[in-house]
Amino acid sequence: MFDHLTRTGVFRSDGTTMECDAVLWCTGFRPVLDPLVSSGLVDGQGRVAVEGTRSVAEPRLPLVGYGDWTGSASATLIGAVRTAKVTVAQIVQELEAEDRSGTK
């Protein structure tokens, strides 16, 4: 597990970093958002603002299974699978578009 997000990826407590194009945050029934707090993504009520499954403040961060507000029954296995498939397809489409345009 990483400690916090950076501009280009993630940082671990051992000092190592890993560059990422996207991080899928699969939260489960009890969201564990601690690694996102230092990034300023968690509000005063302990929630991350999302549009669909994507963090509003960090669009490279989709949250899958993050309560019913990210998709119908998204905190259930059936709902999370449905939401995850759509989210991954969106990420793949965006990364392929970036590759074609040569931008990142």
PDB file of N, CA and C in Angstrom:
ATOM      1  N   MET A   1       0.844  -1.172   0.000  1.00  0.00           N
ATOM      2  CA  MET A   1       0.000   0.000   0.000  1.00  0.00           C
ATOM      3  C   MET A   1       0.891   1.238   0.000  1.00  0.00           C
ATOM      4  N   PHE A   2       0.463   2.237  -0.706  1.00  0.00           N
ATOM      5  CA  PHE A   2       1.215   3.479  -0.737  1.00  0.00           C
ATOM      6  C   PHE A   2       0.740   4.419   0.366  1.00  0.00           C
ATOM      7  N   ASP A   3       1.568   5.432   0.637  1.00  0.00           N
ATOM      8  CA  ASP A   3       1.231   6.404   1.682  1.00  0.00           C
ATOM      9  C   ASP A   3       0.406   7.557   1.157  1.00  0.00           C
ATOM     10  N   HIS A   4       0.779   8.063  -0.012  1.00  0.00           N
ATOM     11  CA  HIS A   4      -0.001   9.148  -0.576  1.00  0.00           C
ATOM     12  C   HIS A   4       0.253   9.268  -2.078  1.00  0.00           C
ATOM     13  N   LEU A   5      -0.652   9.993  -2.710  1.00  0.00           N
ATOM     14  CA  LEU A   5      -0.535  10.240  -4.143  1.00  0.00           C
ATOM     15  C   LEU A   5       0.433  11.383  -4.380  1.00  0.00           C
ATOM     16  N   THR A   6       1.132  11.315  -5.502  1.00  0.00           N
ATOM     17  CA  THR A   6       1.981  12.419  -5.940  1.00  0.00           C
ATOM     18  C   THR A   6       1.417  12.925  -7.258  1.00  0.00           C
ATOM     19  N   ARG A   7       2.038  13.943  -7.820  1.00  0.00           N
ATOM     20  CA  ARG A   7       1.557  14.488  -9.089  1.00  0.00           C
ATOM     21  C   ARG A   7       1.651  13.449 -10.213  1.00  0.00           C
ATOM     22  N   THR A   8       2.613  12.535 -10.114  1.00  0.00           N
ATOM     23  CA  THR A   8       2.830  11.568 -11.199  1.00  0.00           C
ATOM     24  C   THR A   8       2.553  10.120 -10.807  1.00  0.00           C
ATOM     25  N   GLY A   9       2.145   9.867  -9.568  1.00  0.00           N
ATOM     26  CA  GLY A   9       1.905   8.483  -9.162  1.00  0.00           C
ATOM     27  C   GLY A   9       1.687   8.352  -7.669  1.00  0.00           C
ATOM     28  N   VAL A  10       2.451   7.433  -7.048  1.00  0.00           N
ATOM     29  CA  VAL A  10       2.288   7.172  -5.619  1.00  0.00           C
ATOM     30  C   VAL A  10       3.636   7.144  -4.919  1.00  0.00           C
ATOM     31  N   PHE A  11       3.602   7.405  -3.594  1.00  0.00           N
ATOM     32  CA  PHE A  11       4.785   7.401  -2.740  1.00  0.00           C
ATOM     33  C   PHE A  11       4.563   6.391  -1.633  1.00  0.00           C
ATOM     34  N   ARG A  12       5.596   5.572  -1.364  1.00  0.00           N
ATOM     35  CA  ARG A  12       5.520   4.573  -0.287  1.00  0.00           C
ATOM     36  C   ARG A  12       6.388   5.004   0.887  1.00  0.00           C
ATOM     37  N   SER A  13       6.076   4.487   2.077  1.00  0.00           N
ATOM     38  CA  SER A  13       6.797   4.876   3.296  1.00  0.00           C
ATOM     39  C   SER A  13       8.270   4.519   3.253  1.00  0.00           C
ATOM     40  N   ASP A  14       8.659   3.554   2.407  1.00  0.00           N
ATOM     41  CA  ASP A  14      10.084   3.199   2.314  1.00  0.00           C
ATOM     42  C   ASP A  14      10.847   4.155   1.399  1.00  0.00           C
ATOM     43  N   GLY A  15      10.163   5.190   0.918  1.00  0.00           N
ATOM     44  CA  GLY A  15      10.814   6.189   0.080  1.00  0.00           C
ATOM     45  C   GLY A  15      10.717   5.933  -1.411  1.00  0.00           C
ATOM     46  N   THR A  16      10.184   4.788  -1.798  1.00  0.00           N
ATOM     47  CA  THR A  16      10.064   4.489  -3.222  1.00  0.00           C
ATOM     48  C   THR A  16       8.812   5.144  -3.794  1.00  0.00           C
ATOM     49  N   THR A  17       8.866   5.395  -5.082  1.00  0.00           N
ATOM     50  CA  THR A  17       7.723   5.953  -5.792  1.00  0.00           C
ATOM     51  C   THR A  17       7.398   5.063  -6.981  1.00  0.00           C
ATOM     52  N   MET A  18       6.205   5.196  -7.478  1.00  0.00           N
ATOM     53  CA  MET A  18       5.804   4.475  -8.676  1.00  0.00           C
ATOM     54  C   MET A  18       4.951   5.411  -9.515  1.00  0.00           C
ATOM     55  N   GLU A  19       5.339   5.590 -10.769  1.00  0.00           N
ATOM     56  CA  GLU A  19       4.538   6.422 -11.661  1.00  0.00           C
ATOM     57  C   GLU A  19       3.317   5.637 -12.111  1.00  0.00           C
ATOM     58  N   CYS A  20       2.179   6.326 -12.171  1.00  0.00           N
ATOM     59  CA  CYS A  20       0.912   5.703 -12.561  1.00  0.00           C
ATOM     60  C   CYS A  20       0.149   6.642 -13.476  1.00  0.00           C
ATOM     61  N   ASP A  21      -0.478   6.099 -14.498  1.00  0.00           N
ATOM     62  CA  ASP A  21      -1.385   6.877 -15.328  1.00  0.00           C
ATOM     63  C   ASP A  21      -2.727   7.028 -14.633  1.00  0.00           C
ATOM     64  N   ALA A  22      -3.106   6.014 -13.850  1.00  0.00           N
ATOM     65  CA  ALA A  22      -4.378   6.037 -13.126  1.00  0.00           C
ATOM     66  C   ALA A  22      -4.260   5.115 -11.926  1.00  0.00           C
ATOM     67  N   VAL A  23      -5.019   5.417 -10.889  1.00  0.00           N
ATOM     68  CA  VAL A  23      -5.122   4.554  -9.717  1.00  0.00           C
ATOM     69  C   VAL A  23      -6.599   4.273  -9.534  1.00  0.00           C
ATOM     70  N   LEU A  24      -6.977   3.010  -9.524  1.00  0.00           N
ATOM     71  CA  LEU A  24      -8.359   2.623  -9.244  1.00  0.00           C
ATOM     72  C   LEU A  24      -8.458   2.338  -7.764  1.00  0.00           C
ATOM     73  N   TRP A  25      -9.275   3.085  -7.065  1.00  0.00           N
ATOM     74  CA  TRP A  25      -9.413   2.903  -5.627  1.00  0.00           C
ATOM     75  C   TRP A  25     -10.654   2.061  -5.381  1.00  0.00           C
ATOM     76  N   CYS A  26     -10.469   0.792  -5.021  1.00  0.00           N
ATOM     77  CA  CYS A  26     -11.579  -0.126  -4.753  1.00  0.00           C
ATOM     78  C   CYS A  26     -11.806  -0.137  -3.250  1.00  0.00           C
ATOM     79  N   THR A  27     -12.854   0.523  -2.811  1.00  0.00           N
ATOM     80  CA  THR A  27     -12.998   0.835  -1.395  1.00  0.00           C
ATOM     81  C   THR A  27     -13.702  -0.225  -0.565  1.00  0.00           C
ATOM     82  N   GLY A  28     -14.527  -1.038  -1.151  1.00  0.00           N
ATOM     83  CA  GLY A  28     -15.232  -2.051  -0.380  1.00  0.00           C
ATOM     84  C   GLY A  28     -16.336  -1.473   0.487  1.00  0.00           C
ATOM     85  N   PHE A  29     -16.792  -2.254   1.458  1.00  0.00           N
ATOM     86  CA  PHE A  29     -17.939  -1.842   2.275  1.00  0.00           C
ATOM     87  C   PHE A  29     -17.602  -0.727   3.247  1.00  0.00           C
ATOM     88  N   ARG A  30     -16.377  -0.666   3.720  1.00  0.00           N
ATOM     89  CA  ARG A  30     -15.938   0.399   4.616  1.00  0.00           C
ATOM     90  C   ARG A  30     -14.758   1.105   3.957  1.00  0.00           C
ATOM     91  N   PRO A  31     -15.010   2.227   3.324  1.00  0.00           N
ATOM     92  CA  PRO A  31     -13.936   2.908   2.604  1.00  0.00           C
ATOM     93  C   PRO A  31     -12.736   3.238   3.497  1.00  0.00           C
ATOM     94  N   VAL A  32     -11.567   2.854   3.056  1.00  0.00           N
ATOM     95  CA  VAL A  32     -10.320   3.208   3.720  1.00  0.00           C
ATOM     96  C   VAL A  32      -9.682   4.284   2.860  1.00  0.00           C
ATOM     97  N   LEU A  33      -9.790   5.506   3.324  1.00  0.00           N
ATOM     98  CA  LEU A  33      -9.347   6.653   2.534  1.00  0.00           C
ATOM     99  C   LEU A  33      -8.114   7.332   3.115  1.00  0.00           C
ATOM    100  N   ASP A  34      -7.526   6.766   4.168  1.00  0.00           N
ATOM    101  CA  ASP A  34      -6.380   7.398   4.833  1.00  0.00           C
ATOM    102  C   ASP A  34      -5.270   7.827   3.874  1.00  0.00           C
ATOM    103  N   PRO A  35      -4.853   6.995   2.907  1.00  0.00           N
ATOM    104  CA  PRO A  35      -3.779   7.429   2.008  1.00  0.00           C
ATOM    105  C   PRO A  35      -4.162   8.615   1.113  1.00  0.00           C
ATOM    106  N   LEU A  36      -5.440   8.938   1.053  1.00  0.00           N
ATOM    107  CA  LEU A  36      -5.877  10.055   0.225  1.00  0.00           C
ATOM    108  C   LEU A  36      -5.986  11.361   1.006  1.00  0.00           C
ATOM    109  N   VAL A  37      -5.960  11.285   2.339  1.00  0.00           N
ATOM    110  CA  VAL A  37      -6.142  12.471   3.176  1.00  0.00           C
ATOM    111  C   VAL A  37      -5.045  13.496   2.915  1.00  0.00           C
ATOM    112  N   SER A  38      -3.777  13.057   2.893  1.00  0.00           N
ATOM    113  CA  SER A  38      -2.674  14.011   2.718  1.00  0.00           C
ATOM    114  C   SER A  38      -2.682  14.649   1.336  1.00  0.00           C
ATOM    115  N   SER A  39      -3.412  14.068   0.403  1.00  0.00           N
ATOM    116  CA  SER A  39      -3.515  14.643  -0.935  1.00  0.00           C
ATOM    117  C   SER A  39      -4.601  15.706  -1.019  1.00  0.00           C
ATOM    118  N   GLY A  40      -5.336  15.906   0.081  1.00  0.00           N
ATOM    119  CA  GLY A  40      -6.384  16.907   0.111  1.00  0.00           C
ATOM    120  C   GLY A  40      -7.654  16.494  -0.597  1.00  0.00           C
ATOM    121  N   LEU A  41      -7.831  15.202  -0.826  1.00  0.00           N
ATOM    122  CA  LEU A  41      -8.997  14.722  -1.559  1.00  0.00           C
ATOM    123  C   LEU A  41     -10.183  14.387  -0.657  1.00  0.00           C
ATOM    124  N   VAL A  42      -9.933  14.214   0.633  1.00  0.00           N
ATOM    125  CA  VAL A  42     -10.980  13.824   1.575  1.00  0.00           C
ATOM    126  C   VAL A  42     -11.499  15.086   2.271  1.00  0.00           C
ATOM    127  N   ASP A  43     -12.822  15.295   2.213  1.00  0.00           N
ATOM    128  CA  ASP A  43     -13.397  16.503   2.807  1.00  0.00           C
ATOM    129  C   ASP A  43     -13.627  16.337   4.306  1.00  0.00           C
ATOM    130  N   GLY A  44     -14.196  17.342   4.926  1.00  0.00           N
ATOM    131  CA  GLY A  44     -14.438  17.354   6.365  1.00  0.00           C
ATOM    132  C   GLY A  44     -15.377  16.269   6.858  1.00  0.00           C
ATOM    133  N   GLN A  45     -16.203  15.732   5.969  1.00  0.00           N
ATOM    134  CA  GLN A  45     -17.102  14.633   6.336  1.00  0.00           C
ATOM    135  C   GLN A  45     -16.502  13.270   6.038  1.00  0.00           C
ATOM    136  N   GLY A  46     -15.221  13.253   5.635  1.00  0.00           N
ATOM    137  CA  GLY A  46     -14.548  11.985   5.360  1.00  0.00           C
ATOM    138  C   GLY A  46     -14.890  11.388   4.018  1.00  0.00           C
ATOM    139  N   ARG A  47     -15.347  12.213   3.077  1.00  0.00           N
ATOM    140  CA  ARG A  47     -15.725  11.722   1.755  1.00  0.00           C
ATOM    141  C   ARG A  47     -14.885  12.374   0.675  1.00  0.00           C
ATOM    142  N   VAL A  48     -14.788  11.691  -0.441  1.00  0.00           N
ATOM    143  CA  VAL A  48     -14.125  12.234  -1.620  1.00  0.00           C
ATOM    144  C   VAL A  48     -15.216  12.654  -2.597  1.00  0.00           C
ATOM    145  N   ALA A  49     -15.161  13.892  -3.066  1.00  0.00           N
ATOM    146  CA  ALA A  49     -16.147  14.351  -4.048  1.00  0.00           C
ATOM    147  C   ALA A  49     -15.895  13.624  -5.363  1.00  0.00           C
ATOM    148  N   VAL A  50     -16.953  13.019  -5.908  1.00  0.00           N
ATOM    149  CA  VAL A  50     -16.823  12.270  -7.153  1.00  0.00           C
ATOM    150  C   VAL A  50     -17.860  12.731  -8.158  1.00  0.00           C
ATOM    151  N   GLU A  51     -17.505  12.571  -9.406  1.00  0.00           N
ATOM    152  CA  GLU A  51     -18.439  12.757 -10.517  1.00  0.00           C
ATOM    153  C   GLU A  51     -18.436  11.420 -11.241  1.00  0.00           C
ATOM    154  N   GLY A  52     -19.536  10.686 -11.128  1.00  0.00           N
ATOM    155  CA  GLY A  52     -19.521   9.290 -11.568  1.00  0.00           C
ATOM    156  C   GLY A  52     -18.646   8.523 -10.592  1.00  0.00           C
ATOM    157  N   THR A  53     -17.604   7.878 -11.087  1.00  0.00           N
ATOM    158  CA  THR A  53     -16.671   7.204 -10.186  1.00  0.00           C
ATOM    159  C   THR A  53     -15.393   8.007  -9.998  1.00  0.00           C
ATOM    160  N   ARG A  54     -15.240   9.084 -10.737  1.00  0.00           N
ATOM    161  CA  ARG A  54     -13.986   9.826 -10.774  1.00  0.00           C
ATOM    162  C   ARG A  54     -13.925  10.922  -9.717  1.00  0.00           C
ATOM    163  N   SER A  55     -12.782  11.014  -9.033  1.00  0.00           N
ATOM    164  CA  SER A  55     -12.567  12.093  -8.082  1.00  0.00           C
ATOM    165  C   SER A  55     -12.639  13.420  -8.822  1.00  0.00           C
ATOM    166  N   VAL A  56     -13.391  14.367  -8.274  1.00  0.00           N
ATOM    167  CA  VAL A  56     -13.520  15.683  -8.899  1.00  0.00           C
ATOM    168  C   VAL A  56     -12.175  16.411  -8.873  1.00  0.00           C
ATOM    169  N   ALA A  57     -11.474  16.338  -7.746  1.00  0.00           N
ATOM    170  CA  ALA A  57     -10.205  17.055  -7.595  1.00  0.00           C
ATOM    171  C   ALA A  57      -9.034  16.373  -8.298  1.00  0.00           C
ATOM    172  N   GLU A  58      -9.118  15.055  -8.501  1.00  0.00           N
ATOM    173  CA  GLU A  58      -8.036  14.310  -9.157  1.00  0.00           C
ATOM    174  C   GLU A  58      -8.663  13.339 -10.154  1.00  0.00           C
ATOM    175  N   PRO A  59      -8.885  13.788 -11.403  1.00  0.00           N
ATOM    176  CA  PRO A  59      -9.594  12.974 -12.387  1.00  0.00           C
ATOM    177  C   PRO A  59      -8.912  11.652 -12.744  1.00  0.00           C
ATOM    178  N   ARG A  60      -7.627  11.504 -12.387  1.00  0.00           N
ATOM    179  CA  ARG A  60      -6.948  10.232 -12.650  1.00  0.00           C
ATOM    180  C   ARG A  60      -7.263   9.196 -11.582  1.00  0.00           C
ATOM    181  N   LEU A  61      -8.148   9.543 -10.634  1.00  0.00           N
ATOM    182  CA  LEU A  61      -8.467   8.653  -9.525  1.00  0.00           C
ATOM    183  C   LEU A  61      -9.941   8.277  -9.511  1.00  0.00           C
ATOM    184  N   PRO A  62     -10.301   7.163 -10.156  1.00  0.00           N
ATOM    185  CA  PRO A  62     -11.665   6.653 -10.009  1.00  0.00           C
ATOM    186  C   PRO A  62     -11.787   5.883  -8.694  1.00  0.00           C
ATOM    187  N   LEU A  63     -12.939   5.953  -8.059  1.00  0.00           N
ATOM    188  CA  LEU A  63     -13.205   5.200  -6.837  1.00  0.00           C
ATOM    189  C   LEU A  63     -14.303   4.191  -7.151  1.00  0.00           C
ATOM    190  N   VAL A  64     -13.952   2.926  -7.184  1.00  0.00           N
ATOM    191  CA  VAL A  64     -14.896   1.860  -7.523  1.00  0.00           C
ATOM    192  C   VAL A  64     -15.371   1.204  -6.233  1.00  0.00           C
ATOM    193  N   GLY A  65     -16.693   1.025  -6.108  1.00  0.00           N
ATOM    194  CA  GLY A  65     -17.267   0.426  -4.908  1.00  0.00           C
ATOM    195  C   GLY A  65     -17.394   1.430  -3.785  1.00  0.00           C
ATOM    196  N   TYR A  66     -17.385   2.696  -4.114  1.00  0.00           N
ATOM    197  CA  TYR A  66     -17.381   3.762  -3.120  1.00  0.00           C
ATOM    198  C   TYR A  66     -18.805   4.245  -2.863  1.00  0.00           C
ATOM    199  N   GLY A  67     -19.574   3.460  -2.146  1.00  0.00           N
ATOM    200  CA  GLY A  67     -20.939   3.856  -1.800  1.00  0.00           C
ATOM    201  C   GLY A  67     -21.849   3.895  -3.008  1.00  0.00           C
ATOM    202  N   ASP A  68     -23.119   4.057  -2.768  1.00  0.00           N
ATOM    203  CA  ASP A  68     -24.101   4.084  -3.850  1.00  0.00           C
ATOM    204  C   ASP A  68     -23.977   5.321  -4.731  1.00  0.00           C
ATOM    205  N   TRP A  69     -23.244   6.333  -4.281  1.00  0.00           N
ATOM    206  CA  TRP A  69     -23.163   7.562  -5.060  1.00  0.00           C
ATOM    207  C   TRP A  69     -22.233   7.448  -6.252  1.00  0.00           C
ATOM    208  N   THR A  70     -21.512   6.321  -6.440  1.00  0.00           N
ATOM    209  CA  THR A  70     -20.692   6.163  -7.646  1.00  0.00           C
ATOM    210  C   THR A  70     -21.330   5.222  -8.661  1.00  0.00           C
ATOM    211  N   GLY A  71     -22.482   4.715  -8.365  1.00  0.00           N
ATOM    212  CA  GLY A  71     -23.166   3.834  -9.306  1.00  0.00           C
ATOM    213  C   GLY A  71     -24.215   3.022  -8.576  1.00  0.00           C
ATOM    214  N   SER A  72     -25.176   2.532  -9.314  1.00  0.00           N
ATOM    215  CA  SER A  72     -26.246   1.749  -8.726  1.00  0.00           C
ATOM    216  C   SER A  72     -25.675   0.526  -8.009  1.00  0.00           C
ATOM    217  N   ALA A  73     -25.928   0.412  -6.715  1.00  0.00           N
ATOM    218  CA  ALA A  73     -25.481  -0.713  -5.891  1.00  0.00           C
ATOM    219  C   ALA A  73     -23.967  -0.913  -5.962  1.00  0.00           C
ATOM    220  N   SER A  74     -23.210   0.180  -6.105  1.00  0.00           N
ATOM    221  CA  SER A  74     -21.767   0.046  -6.309  1.00  0.00           C
ATOM    222  C   SER A  74     -21.017  -0.495  -5.103  1.00  0.00           C
ATOM    223  N   ALA A  75     -21.646  -0.510  -3.925  1.00  0.00           N
ATOM    224  CA  ALA A  75     -20.994  -1.088  -2.756  1.00  0.00           C
ATOM    225  C   ALA A  75     -21.278  -2.583  -2.628  1.00  0.00           C
ATOM    226  N   THR A  76     -21.932  -3.174  -3.628  1.00  0.00           N
ATOM    227  CA  THR A  76     -22.160  -4.623  -3.643  1.00  0.00           C
ATOM    228  C   THR A  76     -21.264  -5.236  -4.710  1.00  0.00           C
ATOM    229  N   LEU A  77     -21.043  -6.540  -4.648  1.00  0.00           N
ATOM    230  CA  LEU A  77     -20.183  -7.182  -5.652  1.00  0.00           C
ATOM    231  C   LEU A  77     -20.736  -7.020  -7.060  1.00  0.00           C
ATOM    232  N   ILE A  78     -22.023  -7.230  -7.231  1.00  0.00           N
ATOM    233  CA  ILE A  78     -22.616  -7.107  -8.565  1.00  0.00           C
ATOM    234  C   ILE A  78     -22.492  -5.675  -9.068  1.00  0.00           C
ATOM    235  N   GLY A  79     -22.825  -4.717  -8.210  1.00  0.00           N
ATOM    236  CA  GLY A  79     -22.727  -3.322  -8.607  1.00  0.00           C
ATOM    237  C   GLY A  79     -21.296  -2.885  -8.852  1.00  0.00           C
ATOM    238  N   ALA A  80     -20.365  -3.354  -8.016  1.00  0.00           N
ATOM    239  CA  ALA A  80     -18.957  -2.978  -8.178  1.00  0.00           C
ATOM    240  C   ALA A  80     -18.390  -3.530  -9.485  1.00  0.00           C
ATOM    241  N   VAL A  81     -18.752  -4.753  -9.833  1.00  0.00           N
ATOM    242  CA  VAL A  81     -18.269  -5.331 -11.100  1.00  0.00           C
ATOM    243  C   VAL A  81     -18.786  -4.512 -12.275  1.00  0.00           C
ATOM    244  N   ARG A  82     -20.052  -4.187 -12.241  1.00  0.00           N
ATOM    245  CA  ARG A  82     -20.650  -3.387 -13.317  1.00  0.00           C
ATOM    246  C   ARG A  82     -19.943  -2.030 -13.418  1.00  0.00           C
ATOM    247  N   THR A  83     -19.785  -1.378 -12.294  1.00  0.00           N
ATOM    248  CA  THR A  83     -19.135  -0.069 -12.265  1.00  0.00           C
ATOM    249  C   THR A  83     -17.672  -0.177 -12.680  1.00  0.00           C
ATOM    250  N   ALA A  84     -16.972  -1.209 -12.216  1.00  0.00           N
ATOM    251  CA  ALA A  84     -15.556  -1.386 -12.553  1.00  0.00           C
ATOM    252  C   ALA A  84     -15.364  -1.582 -14.049  1.00  0.00           C
ATOM    253  N   LYS A  85     -16.217  -2.355 -14.683  1.00  0.00           N
ATOM    254  CA  LYS A  85     -16.102  -2.582 -16.133  1.00  0.00           C
ATOM    255  C   LYS A  85     -16.217  -1.272 -16.905  1.00  0.00           C
ATOM    256  N   VAL A  86     -17.188  -0.458 -16.534  1.00  0.00           N
ATOM    257  CA  VAL A  86     -17.386   0.825 -17.209  1.00  0.00           C
ATOM    258  C   VAL A  86     -16.190   1.748 -16.946  1.00  0.00           C
ATOM    259  N   THR A  87     -15.738   1.791 -15.700  1.00  0.00           N
ATOM    260  CA  THR A  87     -14.621   2.654 -15.330  1.00  0.00           C
ATOM    261  C   THR A  87     -13.346   2.250 -16.065  1.00  0.00           C
ATOM    262  N   VAL A  88     -13.036   0.969 -16.092  1.00  0.00           N
ATOM    263  CA  VAL A  88     -11.828   0.496 -16.779  1.00  0.00           C
ATOM    264  C   VAL A  88     -11.915   0.784 -18.271  1.00  0.00           C
ATOM    265  N   ALA A  89     -13.072   0.595 -18.873  1.00  0.00           N
ATOM    266  CA  ALA A  89     -13.235   0.905 -20.302  1.00  0.00           C
ATOM    267  C   ALA A  89     -12.971   2.386 -20.564  1.00  0.00           C
ATOM    268  N   GLN A  90     -13.426   3.263 -19.664  1.00  0.00           N
ATOM    269  CA  GLN A  90     -13.169   4.700 -19.817  1.00  0.00           C
ATOM    270  C   GLN A  90     -11.679   5.009 -19.714  1.00  0.00           C
ATOM    271  N   ILE A  91     -11.004   4.390 -18.758  1.00  0.00           N
ATOM    272  CA  ILE A  91      -9.569   4.614 -18.580  1.00  0.00           C
ATOM    273  C   ILE A  91      -8.801   4.147 -19.803  1.00  0.00           C
ATOM    274  N   VAL A  92      -9.118   2.961 -20.300  1.00  0.00           N
ATOM    275  CA  VAL A  92      -8.446   2.423 -21.485  1.00  0.00           C
ATOM    276  C   VAL A  92      -8.658   3.354 -22.676  1.00  0.00           C
ATOM    277  N   GLN A  93      -9.874   3.812 -22.864  1.00  0.00           N
ATOM    278  CA  GLN A  93     -10.185   4.721 -23.971  1.00  0.00           C
ATOM    279  C   GLN A  93      -9.365   6.009 -23.856  1.00  0.00           C
ATOM    280  N   GLU A  94      -9.276   6.566 -22.658  1.00  0.00           N
ATOM    281  CA  GLU A  94      -8.508   7.797 -22.463  1.00  0.00           C
ATOM    282  C   GLU A  94      -7.018   7.581 -22.694  1.00  0.00           C
ATOM    283  N   LEU A  95      -6.468   6.468 -22.193  1.00  0.00           N
ATOM    284  CA  LEU A  95      -5.045   6.193 -22.386  1.00  0.00           C
ATOM    285  C   LEU A  95      -4.730   5.950 -23.862  1.00  0.00           C
ATOM    286  N   GLU A  96      -5.615   5.262 -24.555  1.00  0.00           N
ATOM    287  CA  GLU A  96      -5.402   5.038 -25.997  1.00  0.00           C
ATOM    288  C   GLU A  96      -5.448   6.369 -26.758  1.00  0.00           C
ATOM    289  N   ALA A  97      -6.363   7.257 -26.372  1.00  0.00           N
ATOM    290  CA  ALA A  97      -6.442   8.572 -27.008  1.00  0.00           C
ATOM    291  C   ALA A  97      -5.170   9.378 -26.757  1.00  0.00           C
ATOM    292  N   GLU A  98      -4.637   9.301 -25.529  1.00  0.00           N
ATOM    293  CA  GLU A  98      -3.379   9.970 -25.204  1.00  0.00           C
ATOM    294  C   GLU A  98      -2.240   9.431 -26.055  1.00  0.00           C
ATOM    295  N   ASP A  99      -2.186   8.103 -26.205  1.00  0.00           N
ATOM    296  CA  ASP A  99      -1.128   7.486 -27.014  1.00  0.00           C
ATOM    297  C   ASP A  99      -1.213   7.971 -28.461  1.00  0.00           C
ATOM    298  N   ARG A 100      -2.443   8.063 -29.001  1.00  0.00           N
ATOM    299  CA  ARG A 100      -2.605   8.501 -30.395  1.00  0.00           C
ATOM    300  C   ARG A 100      -2.207   9.960 -30.556  1.00  0.00           C
ATOM    301  N   SER A 101      -2.496  10.778 -29.544  1.00  0.00           N
ATOM    302  CA  SER A 101      -2.194  12.207 -29.675  1.00  0.00           C
ATOM    303  C   SER A 101      -0.781  12.546 -29.227  1.00  0.00           C
ATOM    304  N   GLY A 102      -0.128  11.600 -28.540  1.00  0.00           N
ATOM    305  CA  GLY A 102       1.224  11.845 -28.076  1.00  0.00           C
ATOM    306  C   GLY A 102       1.280  12.716 -26.847  1.00  0.00           C
ATOM    307  N   THR A 103       0.146  12.941 -26.176  1.00  0.00           N
ATOM    308  CA  THR A 103       0.135  13.751 -24.950  1.00  0.00           C
ATOM    309  C   THR A 103      -0.070  12.867 -23.748  1.00  0.00           C
ATOM    310  N   LYS A 104       0.245  13.392 -22.606  1.00  0.00           N
ATOM    311  CA  LYS A 104       0.028  12.650 -21.362  1.00  0.00           C
ATOM    312  C   LYS A 104      -0.414  13.559 -20.281  1.00  0.00           C
TER     313      LYS A 104
END
